[in-house]
C-alpha atoms as a PDB file:
ATOM      1  CA  MET A   1     -31.705  57.497  89.644  1.00  0.00           C
ATOM      2  CA  PRO A   2     -35.045  59.303  89.770  1.00  0.00           C
ATOM      3  CA  SER A   3     -36.232  60.081  93.282  1.00  0.00           C
ATOM      4  CA  LEU A   4     -39.970  59.612  93.254  1.00  0.00           C
ATOM      5  CA  GLY A   5     -40.429  60.738  96.833  1.00  0.00           C
ATOM      6  CA  ARG A   6     -43.941  61.036  98.120  1.00  0.00           C
ATOM      7  CA  PRO A   7     -46.573  61.313  95.422  1.00  0.00           C
ATOM      8  CA  SER A   8     -47.700  64.826  94.687  1.00  0.00           C
ATOM      9  CA  LYS A   9     -51.283  65.768  95.512  1.00  0.00           C
ATOM     10  CA  SER A  10     -51.224  68.126  92.546  1.00  0.00           C
ATOM     11  CA  TYR A  11     -51.264  65.559  89.755  1.00  0.00           C
ATOM     12  CA  ALA A  12     -53.811  66.695  87.235  1.00  0.00           C
ATOM     13  CA  PRO A  13     -56.646  64.209  86.623  1.00  0.00           C
ATOM     14  CA  GLU A  14     -55.591  63.737  83.002  1.00  0.00           C
ATOM     15  CA  ARG A  15     -52.158  62.600  84.160  1.00  0.00           C
ATOM     16  CA  THR A  16     -53.509  59.671  86.141  1.00  0.00           C
ATOM     17  CA  VAL A  17     -54.504  56.584  84.263  1.00  0.00           C
ATOM     18  CA  ARG A  18     -58.200  55.843  84.629  1.00  0.00           C
ATOM     19  CA  LEU A  19     -60.052  53.332  82.550  1.00  0.00           C
ATOM     20  CA  PRO A  20     -63.829  52.964  82.369  1.00  0.00           C
ATOM     21  CA  GLY A  21     -65.145  50.612  85.030  1.00  0.00           C
ATOM     22  CA  SER A  22     -62.002  50.725  87.141  1.00  0.00           C
ATOM     23  CA  GLN A  23     -61.917  51.508  90.829  1.00  0.00           C
ATOM     24  CA  ARG A  24     -58.513  52.341  92.207  1.00  0.00           C
ATOM     25  CA  ASP A  25     -57.325  53.692  95.484  1.00  0.00           C
ATOM     26  CA  PRO A  26     -56.243  57.344  95.474  1.00  0.00           C
ATOM     27  CA  LEU A  27     -52.727  56.652  96.770  1.00  0.00           C
ATOM     28  CA  SER A  28     -51.807  54.324  93.904  1.00  0.00           C
ATOM     29  CA  GLU A  29     -53.345  56.760  91.398  1.00  0.00           C
ATOM     30  CA  ARG A  30     -51.068  59.489  92.739  1.00  0.00           C
ATOM     31  CA  TYR A  31     -48.054  57.318  91.846  1.00  0.00           C
ATOM     32  CA  ASP A  32     -49.104  56.815  88.191  1.00  0.00           C
ATOM     33  CA  VAL A  33     -46.887  59.493  86.636  1.00  0.00           C
ATOM     34  CA  ALA A  34     -43.827  58.580  88.719  1.00  0.00           C
ATOM     35  CA  VAL A  35     -44.329  54.865  88.038  1.00  0.00           C
ATOM     36  CA  ARG A  36     -44.730  55.493  84.310  1.00  0.00           C
ATOM     37  CA  ARG A  37     -41.426  57.372  84.366  1.00  0.00           C
ATOM     38  CA  ALA A  38     -39.702  54.465  86.173  1.00  0.00           C
ATOM     39  CA  LEU A  39     -41.204  51.882  83.790  1.00  0.00           C
ATOM     40  CA  LEU A  40     -40.024  53.808  80.737  1.00  0.00           C
ATOM     41  CA  ALA A  41     -36.560  54.170  82.255  1.00  0.00           C
ATOM     42  CA  ALA A  42     -36.457  50.402  82.834  1.00  0.00           C
ATOM     43  CA  ILE A  43     -37.550  49.678  79.260  1.00  0.00           C
ATOM     44  CA  ARG A  44     -34.886  52.009  77.856  1.00  0.00           C
ATOM     45  CA  ALA A  45     -32.127  50.725  80.157  1.00  0.00           C
ATOM     46  CA  ARG A  46     -29.852  47.844  79.364  1.00  0.00           C
ATOM     47  CA  PRO A  47     -30.296  45.137  80.569  1.00  0.00           C
ATOM     48  CA  ARG A  48     -33.851  46.311  81.118  1.00  0.00           C
ATOM     49  CA  ALA A  49     -33.535  47.665  84.672  1.00  0.00           C
ATOM     50  CA  GLY A  50     -34.103  51.031  86.278  1.00  0.00           C
ATOM     51  CA  ARG A  51     -34.110  52.286  89.851  1.00  0.00           C
ATOM     52  CA  ALA A  52     -36.349  54.643  91.783  1.00  0.00           C
ATOM     53  CA  PHE A  53     -36.569  55.844  95.379  1.00  0.00           C
ATOM     54  CA  VAL A  54     -39.996  55.560  97.018  1.00  0.00           C
ATOM     55  CA  ALA A  55     -40.290  57.666 100.170  1.00  0.00           C
ATOM     56  CA  SER A  56     -42.763  56.804 102.904  1.00  0.00           C
ATOM     57  CA  PRO A  57     -43.644  58.693 106.077  1.00  0.00           C
ATOM     58  CA  GLY A  58     -41.429  57.418 108.895  1.00  0.00           C
ATOM     59  CA  ARG A  59     -44.388  56.178 110.940  1.00  0.00           C
ATOM     60  CA  GLU A  60     -45.303  53.715 108.174  1.00  0.00           C
ATOM     61  CA  PHE A  61     -42.122  51.737 108.772  1.00  0.00           C
ATOM     62  CA  ARG A  62     -43.488  50.776 112.206  1.00  0.00           C
ATOM     63  CA  ASP A  63     -46.586  49.295 110.564  1.00  0.00           C
ATOM     64  CA  VAL A  64     -45.365  47.255 107.592  1.00  0.00           C
ATOM     65  CA  ASP A  65     -47.100  44.178 106.223  1.00  0.00           C
ATOM     66  CA  ARG A  66     -45.665  40.669 106.462  1.00  0.00           C
ATOM     67  CA  GLY A  67     -43.801  41.305 103.217  1.00  0.00           C
ATOM     68  CA  GLY A  68     -42.128  44.328 104.848  1.00  0.00           C
ATOM     69  CA  ARG A  69     -43.818  46.935 102.634  1.00  0.00           C
ATOM     70  CA  THR A  70     -45.338  50.247 103.695  1.00  0.00           C
ATOM     71  CA  ALA A  71     -48.629  51.605 102.351  1.00  0.00           C
ATOM     72  CA  HIS A  72     -46.724  53.857  99.900  1.00  0.00           C
ATOM     73  CA  GLU A  73     -44.626  50.942  98.629  1.00  0.00           C
ATOM     74  CA  ARG A  74     -47.756  48.829  98.140  1.00  0.00           C
ATOM     75  CA  ALA A  75     -49.371  51.734  96.250  1.00  0.00           C
ATOM     76  CA  PHE A  76     -46.292  52.027  94.001  1.00  0.00           C
ATOM     77  CA  THR A  77     -46.484  48.273  93.346  1.00  0.00           C
ATOM     78  CA  ARG A  78     -50.224  48.371  92.535  1.00  0.00           C
ATOM     79  CA  SER A  79     -49.705  51.296  90.163  1.00  0.00           C
ATOM     80  CA  ALA A  80     -46.818  49.535  88.396  1.00  0.00           C
ATOM     81  CA  TYR A  81     -48.745  46.301  87.856  1.00  0.00           C
ATOM     82  CA  TYR A  82     -51.878  48.196  86.867  1.00  0.00           C
ATOM     83  CA  GLN A  83     -49.993  49.983  84.108  1.00  0.00           C
ATOM     84  CA  THR A  84     -48.137  46.865  82.985  1.00  0.00           C
ATOM     85  CA  VAL A  85     -51.033  44.391  83.041  1.00  0.00           C
ATOM     86  CA  LYS A  86     -54.468  46.001  83.344  1.00  0.00           C
ATOM     87  CA  ILE A  87     -54.172  48.875  80.907  1.00  0.00           C
ATOM     88  CA  PRO A  88     -53.250  46.723  77.887  1.00  0.00           C
ATOM     89  CA  GLN A  89     -55.816  44.119  78.958  1.00  0.00           C
ATOM     90  CA  ARG A  90     -58.677  46.619  79.209  1.00  0.00           C
ATOM     91  CA  ARG A  91     -57.748  48.252  75.922  1.00  0.00           C
ATOM     92  CA  GLY A  92     -57.808  44.891  74.176  1.00  0.00           C
ATOM     93  CA  LEU A  93     -54.087  44.929  73.463  1.00  0.00           C
ATOM     94  CA  PRO A  94     -51.682  42.061  74.028  1.00  0.00           C
ATOM     95  CA  GLN A  95     -49.466  42.383  77.088  1.00  0.00           C
ATOM     96  CA  GLU A  96     -45.950  43.213  75.909  1.00  0.00           C
ATOM     97  CA  TRP A  97     -44.080  43.451  79.205  1.00  0.00           C
ATOM     98  CA  SER A  98     -43.609  41.525  82.436  1.00  0.00           C
ATOM     99  CA  LEU A  99     -42.545  43.434  85.522  1.00  0.00           C
ATOM    100  CA  LYS A 100     -40.311  42.536  88.448  1.00  0.00           C
ATOM    101  CA  LEU A 101     -39.751  44.836  91.425  1.00  0.00           C
ATOM    102  CA  GLU A 102     -36.831  44.258  93.798  1.00  0.00           C
ATOM    103  CA  TRP A 103     -36.943  46.345  96.991  1.00  0.00           C
ATOM    104  CA  GLY A 104     -33.776  47.449  98.755  1.00  0.00           C
ATOM    105  CA  PRO A 105     -33.234  48.172 102.452  1.00  0.00           C
ATOM    106  CA  ILE A 106     -34.729  51.157 104.272  1.00  0.00           C
ATOM    107  CA  GLU A 107     -32.501  54.198 103.889  1.00  0.00           C
ATOM    108  CA  ARG A 108     -32.581  57.847 104.825  1.00  0.00           C
ATOM    109  CA  ARG A 109     -32.204  60.569 102.201  1.00  0.00           C
ATOM    110  CA  GLY A 110     -32.165  63.981 103.757  1.00  0.00           C
ATOM    111  CA  SER A 111     -35.197  64.111 106.019  1.00  0.00           C
ATOM    112  CA  ARG A 112     -37.037  61.283 104.244  1.00  0.00           C
ATOM    113  CA  TYR A 113     -37.015  57.550 104.754  1.00  0.00           C
ATOM    114  CA  GLY A 114     -37.719  55.153 101.936  1.00  0.00           C
ATOM    115  CA  ARG A 115     -36.462  52.293  99.827  1.00  0.00           C
ATOM    116  CA  THR A 116     -34.832  52.037  96.461  1.00  0.00           C
ATOM    117  CA  VAL A 117     -36.741  49.798  94.096  1.00  0.00           C
ATOM    118  CA  LYS A 118     -35.103  48.100  91.139  1.00  0.00           C
ATOM    119  CA  VAL A 119     -37.607  47.982  88.278  1.00  0.00           C
ATOM    120  CA  ARG A 120     -36.931  45.260  85.734  1.00  0.00           C
ATOM    121  CA  MET A 121     -38.919  44.828  82.555  1.00  0.00           C
ATOM    122  CA  PHE A 122     -38.943  41.634  80.510  1.00  0.00           C
ATOM    123  CA  THR A 123     -40.707  40.934  77.285  1.00  0.00           C
ATOM    124  CA  TYR A 124     -43.979  39.239  78.200  1.00  0.00           C
ATOM    125  CA  ARG A 125     -43.012  36.043  76.400  1.00  0.00           C
ATOM    126  CA  SER A 126     -39.776  35.590  78.374  1.00  0.00           C
ATOM    127  CA  GLY A 127     -41.484  36.474  81.678  1.00  0.00           C
ATOM    128  CA  SER A 128     -44.309  34.052  80.954  1.00  0.00           C
ATOM    129  CA  ARG A 129     -41.814  31.259  80.222  1.00  0.00           C
ATOM    130  CA  TYR A 130     -40.038  31.955  83.517  1.00  0.00           C
ATOM    131  CA  ALA A 131     -43.300  32.004  85.507  1.00  0.00           C
ATOM    132  CA  SER A 132     -44.488  28.738  83.963  1.00  0.00           C
ATOM    133  CA  SER A 133     -41.136  27.051  84.677  1.00  0.00           C
ATOM    134  CA  GLY A 134     -42.260  26.442  88.272  1.00  0.00           C
ATOM    135  CA  LYS A 135     -39.255  28.270  89.736  1.00  0.00           C
ATOM    136  CA  VAL A 136     -41.354  31.129  91.132  1.00  0.00           C
ATOM    137  CA  ARG A 137     -44.793  31.614  92.685  1.00  0.00           C
ATOM    138  CA  THR A 138     -46.702  33.949  90.425  1.00  0.00           C
ATOM    139  CA  TRP A 139     -49.440  36.326  91.557  1.00  0.00           C
ATOM    140  CA  ARG A 140     -51.142  36.095  88.176  1.00  0.00           C
ATOM    141  CA  ASP A 141     -52.253  32.513  88.711  1.00  0.00           C
ATOM    142  CA  ASN A 142     -52.994  32.878  92.431  1.00  0.00           C
ATOM    143  CA  PRO A 143     -55.441  35.665  93.400  1.00  0.00           C
ATOM    144  CA  GLY A 144     -54.419  35.147  97.040  1.00  0.00           C
ATOM    145  CA  LEU A 145     -51.025  36.699  96.236  1.00  0.00           C
ATOM    146  CA  GLN A 146     -52.497  39.782  94.521  1.00  0.00           C
ATOM    147  CA  SER A 147     -52.313  43.180  96.231  1.00  0.00           C
ATOM    148  CA  LYS A 148     -55.629  44.910  96.817  1.00  0.00           C
ATOM    149  CA  VAL A 149     -56.561  48.113  98.601  1.00  0.00           C
ATOM    150  CA  ASN A 150     -56.381  47.711 102.415  1.00  0.00           C
ATOM    151  CA  ASP A 151     -55.576  44.022 102.013  1.00  0.00           C
ATOM    152  CA  ARG A 152     -52.359  43.421 103.897  1.00  0.00           C
ATOM    153  CA  ILE A 153     -50.809  39.976 103.687  1.00  0.00           C
ATOM    154  CA  ASP A 154     -50.057  39.940 107.421  1.00  0.00           C
ATOM    155  CA  GLN A 155     -53.766  40.284 108.193  1.00  0.00           C
ATOM    156  CA  ARG A 156     -54.990  37.477 105.945  1.00  0.00           C
ATOM    157  CA  ALA A 157     -56.329  34.274 107.402  1.00  0.00           C
ATOM    158  CA  SER A 158     -53.779  31.542 106.805  1.00  0.00           C
END
Protein backbone atom coordinates (compact mmCIF):
# COMPACT_ATOMS: atom_id res chain seq x y z
CA MET A 1 0.00 0.00 0.00
CA PRO A 2 1.59 3.30 -0.98
CA SER A 3 2.03 5.72 1.91
CA LEU A 4 1.34 9.15 0.52
CA GLY A 5 2.16 10.94 3.75
CA ARG A 6 2.15 14.69 3.71
CA PRO A 7 2.48 16.21 0.26
CA SER A 8 5.97 17.29 -0.64
CA LYS A 9 6.64 21.00 -1.11
CA SER A 10 9.22 20.09 -3.73
CA TYR A 11 6.88 18.93 -6.48
CA ALA A 12 8.06 20.50 -9.68
CA PRO A 13 5.47 22.73 -11.39
CA GLU A 14 5.35 20.42 -14.42
CA ARG A 15 4.32 17.54 -12.17
CA THR A 16 1.17 19.26 -10.96
CA VAL A 17 -1.81 19.27 -13.23
CA ARG A 18 -2.79 22.78 -14.25
CA LEU A 19 -5.23 23.57 -16.98
CA PRO A 20 -5.80 26.99 -18.52
CA GLY A 21 -8.43 28.97 -16.64
CA SER A 22 -8.30 26.79 -13.54
CA GLN A 23 -7.80 28.08 -10.03
CA ARG A 24 -6.88 25.47 -7.48
CA ASP A 25 -5.73 25.63 -3.93
CA PRO A 26 -2.03 24.91 -3.36
CA LEU A 27 -2.62 22.04 -0.93
CA SER A 28 -4.66 19.98 -3.39
CA GLU A 29 -2.12 20.73 -6.15
CA ARG A 30 0.62 19.30 -3.94
CA TYR A 31 -1.30 16.00 -3.81
CA ASP A 32 -1.57 15.64 -7.62
CA VAL A 33 1.34 13.25 -8.13
CA ALA A 34 0.45 11.06 -5.15
CA VAL A 35 -3.22 10.98 -6.16
CA ARG A 36 -2.33 10.09 -9.74
CA ARG A 37 -0.27 7.18 -8.41
CA ALA A 38 -3.21 5.98 -6.26
CA LEU A 39 -5.68 6.32 -9.15
CA LEU A 40 -3.46 4.30 -11.48
CA ALA A 41 -3.01 1.64 -8.80
CA ALA A 42 -6.80 1.44 -8.42
CA ILE A 43 -7.31 1.14 -12.18
CA ARG A 44 -4.72 -1.65 -12.42
CA ALA A 45 -6.02 -3.51 -9.35
CA ARG A 46 -8.70 -6.15 -9.43
CA PRO A 47 -11.51 -5.53 -8.60
CA ARG A 48 -10.59 -1.93 -9.30
CA ALA A 49 -9.50 -0.86 -5.81
CA GLY A 50 -6.31 0.51 -4.34
CA ARG A 51 -5.34 1.89 -0.94
CA ALA A 52 -3.28 4.85 0.18
CA PHE A 53 -2.38 6.42 3.52
CA VAL A 54 -2.98 10.17 3.80
CA ALA A 55 -1.15 11.73 6.75
CA SER A 56 -2.37 14.93 8.37
CA PRO A 57 -0.79 17.03 11.11
CA GLY A 58 -2.15 15.86 14.46
CA ARG A 59 -3.71 19.23 15.24
CA GLU A 60 -6.00 18.91 12.21
CA PHE A 61 -7.83 15.99 13.80
CA ARG A 62 -9.14 18.40 16.46
CA ASP A 63 -10.66 20.59 13.74
CA VAL A 64 -12.39 18.23 11.30
CA ASP A 65 -15.44 19.11 9.25
CA ARG A 66 -18.87 17.57 9.80
CA GLY A 67 -17.88 14.74 7.47
CA GLY A 68 -14.90 14.00 9.75
CA ARG A 69 -12.23 15.01 7.22
CA THR A 70 -9.10 17.07 7.84
CA ALA A 71 -7.84 19.78 5.48
CA HIS A 72 -5.30 17.32 3.99
CA GLU A 73 -7.97 14.68 3.41
CA ARG A 74 -10.22 17.25 1.72
CA ALA A 75 -7.28 18.32 -0.47
CA PHE A 76 -6.63 14.68 -1.45
CA THR A 77 -10.33 14.32 -2.32
CA ARG A 78 -10.38 17.53 -4.41
CA SER A 79 -7.25 16.45 -6.29
CA ALA A 80 -8.70 12.99 -6.99
CA TYR A 81 -11.99 14.33 -8.35
CA TYR A 82 -10.21 17.06 -10.30
CA GLN A 83 -8.10 14.47 -12.10
CA THR A 84 -11.01 12.09 -12.65
CA VAL A 85 -13.65 14.60 -13.76
CA LYS A 86 -12.27 18.04 -14.63
CA ILE A 87 -9.20 17.14 -16.64
CA PRO A 88 -11.05 15.04 -19.24
CA GLN A 89 -13.88 17.60 -19.30
CA ARG A 90 -11.57 20.56 -19.96
CA ARG A 91 -9.64 18.66 -22.60
CA GLY A 92 -12.85 17.83 -24.43
CA LEU A 93 -12.54 14.11 -23.76
CA PRO A 94 -15.30 11.83 -22.52
CA GLN A 95 -15.09 10.88 -18.86
CA GLU A 96 -13.97 7.25 -18.65
CA TRP A 97 -13.88 6.69 -14.90
CA SER A 98 -16.02 7.24 -11.82
CA LEU A 99 -14.30 7.49 -8.46
CA LYS A 100 -15.30 6.37 -4.98
CA LEU A 101 -13.21 7.09 -1.88
CA GLU A 102 -13.80 5.16 1.34
CA TRP A 103 -11.98 6.56 4.39
CA GLY A 104 -10.83 4.32 7.23
CA PRO A 105 -10.37 5.18 10.90
CA ILE A 106 -7.63 7.47 12.22
CA GLU A 107 -4.44 5.50 12.82
CA ARG A 108 -0.89 6.21 13.86
CA ARG A 109 2.05 5.15 11.69
CA GLY A 110 5.32 5.95 13.33
CA SER A 111 5.10 9.58 14.36
CA ARG A 112 2.32 10.44 11.90
CA TYR A 113 -1.44 10.29 12.19
CA GLY A 114 -3.64 9.75 9.18
CA ARG A 115 -6.25 7.60 7.52
CA THR A 116 -6.15 4.87 4.95
CA VAL A 117 -8.30 5.63 1.94
CA LYS A 118 -9.67 2.92 -0.32
CA VAL A 119 -9.71 4.24 -3.89
CA ARG A 120 -12.18 2.49 -6.16
CA MET A 121 -12.47 3.18 -9.86
CA PHE A 122 -15.49 2.22 -11.94
CA THR A 123 -16.04 2.66 -15.61
CA TYR A 124 -17.99 5.90 -16.02
CA ARG A 125 -20.97 4.10 -17.52
CA SER A 126 -21.39 1.74 -14.55
CA GLY A 127 -20.87 4.57 -12.03
CA SER A 128 -23.38 6.75 -13.84
CA ARG A 129 -25.96 3.94 -13.78
CA TYR A 130 -25.42 3.51 -10.03
CA ALA A 131 -25.72 7.25 -9.35
CA SER A 132 -28.92 7.55 -11.38
CA SER A 133 -30.46 4.54 -9.60
CA GLY A 134 -31.41 6.80 -6.69
CA LYS A 135 -29.53 4.67 -4.15
CA VAL A 136 -26.92 7.35 -3.45
CA ARG A 137 -26.76 11.15 -3.21
CA THR A 138 -24.37 12.32 -5.88
CA TRP A 139 -22.25 15.47 -5.68
CA ARG A 140 -22.31 15.84 -9.45
CA ASP A 141 -25.98 16.77 -9.54
CA ASN A 142 -25.95 18.80 -6.32
CA PRO A 143 -23.40 21.66 -6.14
CA GLY A 144 -24.14 21.95 -2.41
CA LEU A 145 -22.33 18.63 -1.86
CA GLN A 146 -19.22 19.65 -3.83
CA SER A 147 -15.96 20.36 -1.99
CA LYS A 148 -14.47 23.80 -2.54
CA VAL A 149 -11.48 25.56 -1.04
CA ASN A 150 -12.17 26.70 2.56
CA ASP A 151 -15.76 25.51 2.28
CA ARG A 152 -16.32 23.13 5.15
CA ILE A 153 -19.64 21.33 5.33
CA ASP A 154 -19.93 21.94 9.08
CA GLN A 155 -19.86 25.70 8.49
CA ARG A 156 -22.55 25.82 5.81
CA ALA A 157 -25.93 27.32 6.52
CA SER A 158 -28.45 24.51 6.73
